[in-house]
Amino acid sequence: MSDDNEMILLLKELVDKVKNLEQAVYNKDNLLMKSGFVVAESPTPHMTNNTTVSSGDSIAKMEWDDIHKMANNLG
């Protein structure tokens, strides 16, 4: 029974530590948040690509043998 009690006490301590860490991270007056080390909400990356593939180099018009040759030349 003492092993079970020790495991329960250990689990309770770990849960308390996790709760304290969560409070430290999400506290609005926390130095970690102000310094930028921890960010609760971050911007979503956005990328625009305005380049188009010319119709002459289109893979859709190539044969499989040509694609394999091109891949071998790249590698």
PDB file of N, CA and C in Angstrom:
ATOM      1  N   MET A   1       0.813  -1.194   0.000  1.00  0.00           N
ATOM      2  CA  MET A   1       0.000   0.000   0.000  1.00  0.00           C
ATOM      3  C   MET A   1       0.856   1.258   0.000  1.00  0.00           C
ATOM      4  N   SER A   2       2.038   1.208   0.574  1.00  0.00           N
ATOM      5  CA  SER A   2       2.862   2.408   0.651  1.00  0.00           C
ATOM      6  C   SER A   2       3.336   2.828  -0.736  1.00  0.00           C
ATOM      7  N   ASP A   3       3.559   1.863  -1.642  1.00  0.00           N
ATOM      8  CA  ASP A   3       3.952   2.195  -3.006  1.00  0.00           C
ATOM      9  C   ASP A   3       2.838   2.936  -3.726  1.00  0.00           C
ATOM     10  N   ASP A   4       1.601   2.496  -3.514  1.00  0.00           N
ATOM     11  CA  ASP A   4       0.465   3.175  -4.130  1.00  0.00           C
ATOM     12  C   ASP A   4       0.333   4.601  -3.601  1.00  0.00           C
ATOM     13  N   ASN A   5       0.526   4.773  -2.306  1.00  0.00           N
ATOM     14  CA  ASN A   5       0.426   6.103  -1.701  1.00  0.00           C
ATOM     15  C   ASN A   5       1.527   7.020  -2.223  1.00  0.00           C
ATOM     16  N   GLU A   6       2.719   6.484  -2.396  1.00  0.00           N
ATOM     17  CA  GLU A   6       3.831   7.289  -2.919  1.00  0.00           C
ATOM     18  C   GLU A   6       3.552   7.725  -4.351  1.00  0.00           C
ATOM     19  N   MET A   7       2.993   6.829  -5.154  1.00  0.00           N
ATOM     20  CA  MET A   7       2.673   7.170  -6.544  1.00  0.00           C
ATOM     21  C   MET A   7       1.588   8.243  -6.603  1.00  0.00           C
ATOM     22  N   ILE A   8       0.585   8.126  -5.746  1.00  0.00           N
ATOM     23  CA  ILE A   8      -0.485   9.124  -5.715  1.00  0.00           C
ATOM     24  C   ILE A   8       0.065  10.481  -5.294  1.00  0.00           C
ATOM     25  N   LEU A   9       0.930  10.504  -4.291  1.00  0.00           N
ATOM     26  CA  LEU A   9       1.529  11.761  -3.852  1.00  0.00           C
ATOM     27  C   LEU A   9       2.405  12.369  -4.947  1.00  0.00           C
ATOM     28  N   LEU A  10       3.146  11.520  -5.642  1.00  0.00           N
ATOM     29  CA  LEU A  10       3.989  12.001  -6.735  1.00  0.00           C
ATOM     30  C   LEU A  10       3.139  12.597  -7.851  1.00  0.00           C
ATOM     31  N   LEU A  11       2.049  11.920  -8.205  1.00  0.00           N
ATOM     32  CA  LEU A  11       1.164  12.438  -9.238  1.00  0.00           C
ATOM     33  C   LEU A  11       0.539  13.771  -8.824  1.00  0.00           C
ATOM     34  N   LYS A  12       0.158  13.893  -7.563  1.00  0.00           N
ATOM     35  CA  LYS A  12      -0.412  15.148  -7.077  1.00  0.00           C
ATOM     36  C   LYS A  12       0.606  16.287  -7.171  1.00  0.00           C
ATOM     37  N   GLU A  13       1.841  16.003  -6.830  1.00  0.00           N
ATOM     38  CA  GLU A  13       2.891  17.017  -6.921  1.00  0.00           C
ATOM     39  C   GLU A  13       3.126  17.441  -8.368  1.00  0.00           C
ATOM     40  N   LEU A  14       3.144  16.471  -9.279  1.00  0.00           N
ATOM     41  CA  LEU A  14       3.340  16.792 -10.694  1.00  0.00           C
ATOM     42  C   LEU A  14       2.186  17.621 -11.246  1.00  0.00           C
ATOM     43  N   VAL A  15       0.966  17.295 -10.861  1.00  0.00           N
ATOM     44  CA  VAL A  15      -0.193  18.068 -11.305  1.00  0.00           C
ATOM     45  C   VAL A  15      -0.108  19.492 -10.773  1.00  0.00           C
ATOM     46  N   ASP A  16       0.293  19.658  -9.530  1.00  0.00           N
ATOM     47  CA  ASP A  16       0.443  20.997  -8.964  1.00  0.00           C
ATOM     48  C   ASP A  16       1.511  21.799  -9.712  1.00  0.00           C
ATOM     49  N   LYS A  17       2.614  21.159 -10.057  1.00  0.00           N
ATOM     50  CA  LYS A  17       3.675  21.862 -10.787  1.00  0.00           C
ATOM     51  C   LYS A  17       3.209  22.290 -12.171  1.00  0.00           C
ATOM     52  N   VAL A  18       2.463  21.429 -12.845  1.00  0.00           N
ATOM     53  CA  VAL A  18       1.953  21.782 -14.173  1.00  0.00           C
ATOM     54  C   VAL A  18       0.979  22.943 -14.070  1.00  0.00           C
ATOM     55  N   LYS A  19       0.118  22.917 -13.073  1.00  0.00           N
ATOM     56  CA  LYS A  19      -0.827  24.029 -12.881  1.00  0.00           C
ATOM     57  C   LYS A  19      -0.088  25.334 -12.615  1.00  0.00           C
ATOM     58  N   ASN A  20       0.955  25.285 -11.807  1.00  0.00           N
ATOM     59  CA  ASN A  20       1.738  26.495 -11.524  1.00  0.00           C
ATOM     60  C   ASN A  20       2.423  27.012 -12.782  1.00  0.00           C
ATOM     61  N   LEU A  21       2.932  26.106 -13.612  1.00  0.00           N
ATOM     62  CA  LEU A  21       3.563  26.526 -14.866  1.00  0.00           C
ATOM     63  C   LEU A  21       2.544  27.163 -15.808  1.00  0.00           C
ATOM     64  N   GLU A  22       1.354  26.589 -15.892  1.00  0.00           N
ATOM     65  CA  GLU A  22       0.317  27.174 -16.737  1.00  0.00           C
ATOM     66  C   GLU A  22      -0.057  28.570 -16.257  1.00  0.00           C
ATOM     67  N   GLN A  23      -0.156  28.752 -14.962  1.00  0.00           N
ATOM     68  CA  GLN A  23      -0.477  30.081 -14.426  1.00  0.00           C
ATOM     69  C   GLN A  23       0.644  31.062 -14.730  1.00  0.00           C
ATOM     70  N   ALA A  24       1.883  30.613 -14.652  1.00  0.00           N
ATOM     71  CA  ALA A  24       3.014  31.498 -14.919  1.00  0.00           C
ATOM     72  C   ALA A  24       3.052  31.902 -16.389  1.00  0.00           C
ATOM     73  N   VAL A  25       2.710  30.995 -17.293  1.00  0.00           N
ATOM     74  CA  VAL A  25       2.789  31.292 -18.722  1.00  0.00           C
ATOM     75  C   VAL A  25       1.648  32.205 -19.158  1.00  0.00           C
ATOM     76  N   TYR A  26       0.451  31.992 -18.674  1.00  0.00           N
ATOM     77  CA  TYR A  26      -0.704  32.734 -19.158  1.00  0.00           C
ATOM     78  C   TYR A  26      -1.054  33.963 -18.323  1.00  0.00           C
ATOM     79  N   ASN A  27      -0.275  34.260 -17.304  1.00  0.00           N
ATOM     80  CA  ASN A  27      -0.502  35.457 -16.507  1.00  0.00           C
ATOM     81  C   ASN A  27      -0.126  36.674 -17.348  1.00  0.00           C
ATOM     82  N   LYS A  28      -1.035  37.631 -17.487  1.00  0.00           N
ATOM     83  CA  LYS A  28      -0.794  38.776 -18.369  1.00  0.00           C
ATOM     84  C   LYS A  28       0.313  39.688 -17.857  1.00  0.00           C
ATOM     85  N   ASP A  29       0.602  39.690 -16.582  1.00  0.00           N
ATOM     86  CA  ASP A  29       1.656  40.538 -16.029  1.00  0.00           C
ATOM     87  C   ASP A  29       2.992  39.800 -15.944  1.00  0.00           C
ATOM     88  N   ASN A  30       3.062  38.656 -16.544  1.00  0.00           N
ATOM     89  CA  ASN A  30       4.251  37.822 -16.437  1.00  0.00           C
ATOM     90  C   ASN A  30       5.384  38.382 -17.292  1.00  0.00           C
ATOM     91  N   LEU A  31       6.596  38.306 -16.789  1.00  0.00           N
ATOM     92  CA  LEU A  31       7.757  38.780 -17.537  1.00  0.00           C
ATOM     93  C   LEU A  31       8.039  37.938 -18.777  1.00  0.00           C
ATOM     94  N   LEU A  32       7.707  36.645 -18.733  1.00  0.00           N
ATOM     95  CA  LEU A  32       7.937  35.804 -19.904  1.00  0.00           C
ATOM     96  C   LEU A  32       7.090  36.271 -21.080  1.00  0.00           C
ATOM     97  N   MET A  33       5.850  36.636 -20.799  1.00  0.00           N
ATOM     98  CA  MET A  33       4.976  37.118 -21.865  1.00  0.00           C
ATOM     99  C   MET A  33       5.474  38.462 -22.384  1.00  0.00           C
ATOM    100  N   LYS A  34       5.872  39.361 -21.483  1.00  0.00           N
ATOM    101  CA  LYS A  34       6.315  40.693 -21.882  1.00  0.00           C
ATOM    102  C   LYS A  34       7.624  40.647 -22.657  1.00  0.00           C
ATOM    103  N   SER A  35       8.483  39.716 -22.314  1.00  0.00           N
ATOM    104  CA  SER A  35       9.779  39.643 -22.981  1.00  0.00           C
ATOM    105  C   SER A  35       9.693  38.956 -24.338  1.00  0.00           C
ATOM    106  N   GLY A  36       8.599  38.272 -24.609  1.00  0.00           N
ATOM    107  CA  GLY A  36       8.432  37.618 -25.890  1.00  0.00           C
ATOM    108  C   GLY A  36       8.918  36.184 -25.925  1.00  0.00           C
ATOM    109  N   PHE A  37       9.355  35.657 -24.797  1.00  0.00           N
ATOM    110  CA  PHE A  37       9.790  34.263 -24.781  1.00  0.00           C
ATOM    111  C   PHE A  37       8.610  33.317 -24.926  1.00  0.00           C
ATOM    112  N   VAL A  38       7.461  33.711 -24.403  1.00  0.00           N
ATOM    113  CA  VAL A  38       6.262  32.888 -24.477  1.00  0.00           C
ATOM    114  C   VAL A  38       5.181  33.729 -25.135  1.00  0.00           C
ATOM    115  N   VAL A  39       4.576  33.194 -26.177  1.00  0.00           N
ATOM    116  CA  VAL A  39       3.524  33.908 -26.882  1.00  0.00           C
ATOM    117  C   VAL A  39       2.290  33.022 -26.900  1.00  0.00           C
ATOM    118  N   ALA A  40       1.188  33.526 -26.357  1.00  0.00           N
ATOM    119  CA  ALA A  40      -0.038  32.745 -26.331  1.00  0.00           C
ATOM    120  C   ALA A  40      -0.729  32.768 -27.679  1.00  0.00           C
ATOM    121  N   GLU A  41      -0.675  33.902 -28.375  1.00  0.00           N
ATOM    122  CA  GLU A  41      -1.292  34.016 -29.689  1.00  0.00           C
ATOM    123  C   GLU A  41      -0.253  34.565 -30.648  1.00  0.00           C
ATOM    124  N   SER A  42      -0.024  33.852 -31.730  1.00  0.00           N
ATOM    125  CA  SER A  42       0.974  34.295 -32.694  1.00  0.00           C
ATOM    126  C   SER A  42       0.305  34.517 -34.046  1.00  0.00           C
ATOM    127  N   PRO A  43       0.875  35.371 -34.872  1.00  0.00           N
ATOM    128  CA  PRO A  43       0.279  35.600 -36.189  1.00  0.00           C
ATOM    129  C   PRO A  43       0.443  34.377 -37.084  1.00  0.00           C
ATOM    130  N   THR A  44      -0.483  34.212 -37.997  1.00  0.00           N
ATOM    131  CA  THR A  44      -0.435  33.103 -38.938  1.00  0.00           C
ATOM    132  C   THR A  44       0.427  33.497 -40.127  1.00  0.00           C
ATOM    133  N   PRO A  45       1.364  32.668 -40.517  1.00  0.00           N
ATOM    134  CA  PRO A  45       2.196  33.008 -41.671  1.00  0.00           C
ATOM    135  C   PRO A  45       1.361  33.038 -42.952  1.00  0.00           C
ATOM    136  N   HIS A  46       1.729  33.950 -43.845  1.00  0.00           N
ATOM    137  CA  HIS A  46       1.018  34.087 -45.109  1.00  0.00           C
ATOM    138  C   HIS A  46       2.035  34.259 -46.224  1.00  0.00           C
ATOM    139  N   MET A  47       1.861  33.519 -47.282  1.00  0.00           N
ATOM    140  CA  MET A  47       2.811  33.603 -48.382  1.00  0.00           C
ATOM    141  C   MET A  47       2.043  33.725 -49.684  1.00  0.00           C
ATOM    142  N   THR A  48       2.458  34.676 -50.505  1.00  0.00           N
ATOM    143  CA  THR A  48       1.841  34.806 -51.821  1.00  0.00           C
ATOM    144  C   THR A  48       2.883  34.441 -52.867  1.00  0.00           C
ATOM    145  N   ASN A  49       2.436  33.744 -53.864  1.00  0.00           N
ATOM    146  CA  ASN A  49       3.324  33.317 -54.927  1.00  0.00           C
ATOM    147  C   ASN A  49       2.683  33.740 -56.246  1.00  0.00           C
ATOM    148  N   ASN A  50       3.241  34.754 -56.873  1.00  0.00           N
ATOM    149  CA  ASN A  50       2.673  35.267 -58.102  1.00  0.00           C
ATOM    150  C   ASN A  50       3.352  34.709 -59.338  1.00  0.00           C
ATOM    151  N   THR A  51       4.249  33.769 -59.177  1.00  0.00           N
ATOM    152  CA  THR A  51       4.936  33.212 -60.337  1.00  0.00           C
ATOM    153  C   THR A  51       4.071  32.130 -60.961  1.00  0.00           C
ATOM    154  N   THR A  52       4.127  32.033 -62.263  1.00  0.00           N
ATOM    155  CA  THR A  52       3.387  31.002 -62.975  1.00  0.00           C
ATOM    156  C   THR A  52       4.368  30.149 -63.755  1.00  0.00           C
ATOM    157  N   VAL A  53       3.999  28.916 -63.973  1.00  0.00           N
ATOM    158  CA  VAL A  53       4.827  27.995 -64.731  1.00  0.00           C
ATOM    159  C   VAL A  53       4.510  28.196 -66.202  1.00  0.00           C
ATOM    160  N   SER A  54       5.547  28.331 -67.003  1.00  0.00           N
ATOM    161  CA  SER A  54       5.310  28.512 -68.434  1.00  0.00           C
ATOM    162  C   SER A  54       4.760  27.221 -69.024  1.00  0.00           C
ATOM    163  N   SER A  55       3.936  27.349 -70.047  1.00  0.00           N
ATOM    164  CA  SER A  55       3.268  26.179 -70.615  1.00  0.00           C
ATOM    165  C   SER A  55       4.255  25.222 -71.277  1.00  0.00           C
ATOM    166  N   GLY A  56       5.403  25.715 -71.716  1.00  0.00           N
ATOM    167  CA  GLY A  56       6.384  24.846 -72.361  1.00  0.00           C
ATOM    168  C   GLY A  56       7.046  23.892 -71.377  1.00  0.00           C
ATOM    169  N   ASP A  57       7.199  24.306 -70.114  1.00  0.00           N
ATOM    170  CA  ASP A  57       7.859  23.482 -69.109  1.00  0.00           C
ATOM    171  C   ASP A  57       6.873  22.727 -68.231  1.00  0.00           C
ATOM    172  N   SER A  58       5.619  22.732 -68.594  1.00  0.00           N
ATOM    173  CA  SER A  58       4.590  22.133 -67.757  1.00  0.00           C
ATOM    174  C   SER A  58       4.782  20.627 -67.661  1.00  0.00           C
ATOM    175  N   ILE A  59       4.754  20.127 -66.471  1.00  0.00           N
ATOM    176  CA  ILE A  59       4.909  18.690 -66.245  1.00  0.00           C
ATOM    177  C   ILE A  59       3.701  17.938 -66.770  1.00  0.00           C
ATOM    178  N   ALA A  60       2.556  18.595 -66.817  1.00  0.00           N
ATOM    179  CA  ALA A  60       1.345  17.937 -67.298  1.00  0.00           C
ATOM    180  C   ALA A  60       1.484  17.505 -68.753  1.00  0.00           C
ATOM    181  N   LYS A  61       2.309  18.199 -69.520  1.00  0.00           N
ATOM    182  CA  LYS A  61       2.480  17.872 -70.936  1.00  0.00           C
ATOM    183  C   LYS A  61       3.661  16.940 -71.181  1.00  0.00           C
ATOM    184  N   MET A  62       4.390  16.567 -70.123  1.00  0.00           N
ATOM    185  CA  MET A  62       5.590  15.743 -70.288  1.00  0.00           C
ATOM    186  C   MET A  62       5.232  14.260 -70.217  1.00  0.00           C
ATOM    187  N   GLU A  63       6.068  13.461 -70.848  1.00  0.00           N
ATOM    188  CA  GLU A  63       5.949  12.010 -70.735  1.00  0.00           C
ATOM    189  C   GLU A  63       6.662  11.569 -69.454  1.00  0.00           C
ATOM    190  N   TRP A  64       6.320  10.369 -68.962  1.00  0.00           N
ATOM    191  CA  TRP A  64       6.931   9.867 -67.743  1.00  0.00           C
ATOM    192  C   TRP A  64       8.439   9.703 -67.892  1.00  0.00           C
ATOM    193  N   ASP A  65       8.882   9.288 -69.062  1.00  0.00           N
ATOM    194  CA  ASP A  65      10.325   9.126 -69.282  1.00  0.00           C
ATOM    195  C   ASP A  65      11.052  10.461 -69.129  1.00  0.00           C
ATOM    196  N   ASP A  66      10.426  11.542 -69.652  1.00  0.00           N
ATOM    197  CA  ASP A  66      11.033  12.865 -69.528  1.00  0.00           C
ATOM    198  C   ASP A  66      11.092  13.314 -68.072  1.00  0.00           C
ATOM    199  N   ILE A  67      10.029  12.975 -67.328  1.00  0.00           N
ATOM    200  CA  ILE A  67      10.001  13.350 -65.905  1.00  0.00           C
ATOM    201  C   ILE A  67      11.084  12.607 -65.140  1.00  0.00           C
ATOM    202  N   HIS A  68      11.245  11.314 -65.426  1.00  0.00           N
ATOM    203  CA  HIS A  68      12.290  10.530 -64.761  1.00  0.00           C
ATOM    204  C   HIS A  68      13.692  11.053 -65.114  1.00  0.00           C
ATOM    205  N   LYS A  69      13.907  11.435 -66.366  1.00  0.00           N
ATOM    206  CA  LYS A  69      15.188  11.994 -66.761  1.00  0.00           C
ATOM    207  C   LYS A  69      15.474  13.301 -66.040  1.00  0.00           C
ATOM    208  N   MET A  70      14.429  14.151 -65.935  1.00  0.00           N
ATOM    209  CA  MET A  70      14.595  15.428 -65.247  1.00  0.00           C
ATOM    210  C   MET A  70      14.909  15.204 -63.771  1.00  0.00           C
ATOM    211  N   ALA A  71      14.228  14.217 -63.153  1.00  0.00           N
ATOM    212  CA  ALA A  71      14.470  13.923 -61.735  1.00  0.00           C
ATOM    213  C   ALA A  71      15.880  13.393 -61.538  1.00  0.00           C
ATOM    214  N   ASN A  72      16.358  12.567 -62.451  1.00  0.00           N
ATOM    215  CA  ASN A  72      17.719  12.027 -62.337  1.00  0.00           C
ATOM    216  C   ASN A  72      18.755  13.136 -62.505  1.00  0.00           C
ATOM    217  N   ASN A  73      18.496  14.093 -63.381  1.00  0.00           N
ATOM    218  CA  ASN A  73      19.422  15.205 -63.564  1.00  0.00           C
ATOM    219  C   ASN A  73      19.479  16.095 -62.333  1.00  0.00           C
ATOM    220  N   LEU A  74      18.344  16.241 -61.643  1.00  0.00           N
ATOM    221  CA  LEU A  74      18.315  17.059 -60.426  1.00  0.00           C
ATOM    222  C   LEU A  74      19.050  16.375 -59.286  1.00  0.00           C
ATOM    223  N   GLY A  75      18.911  15.074 -59.199  1.00  0.00           N
ATOM    224  CA  GLY A  75      19.514  14.338 -58.080  1.00  0.00           C
ATOM    225  C   GLY A  75      20.913  13.976 -58.374  1.00  0.00           C
TER     226      GLY A  75
END
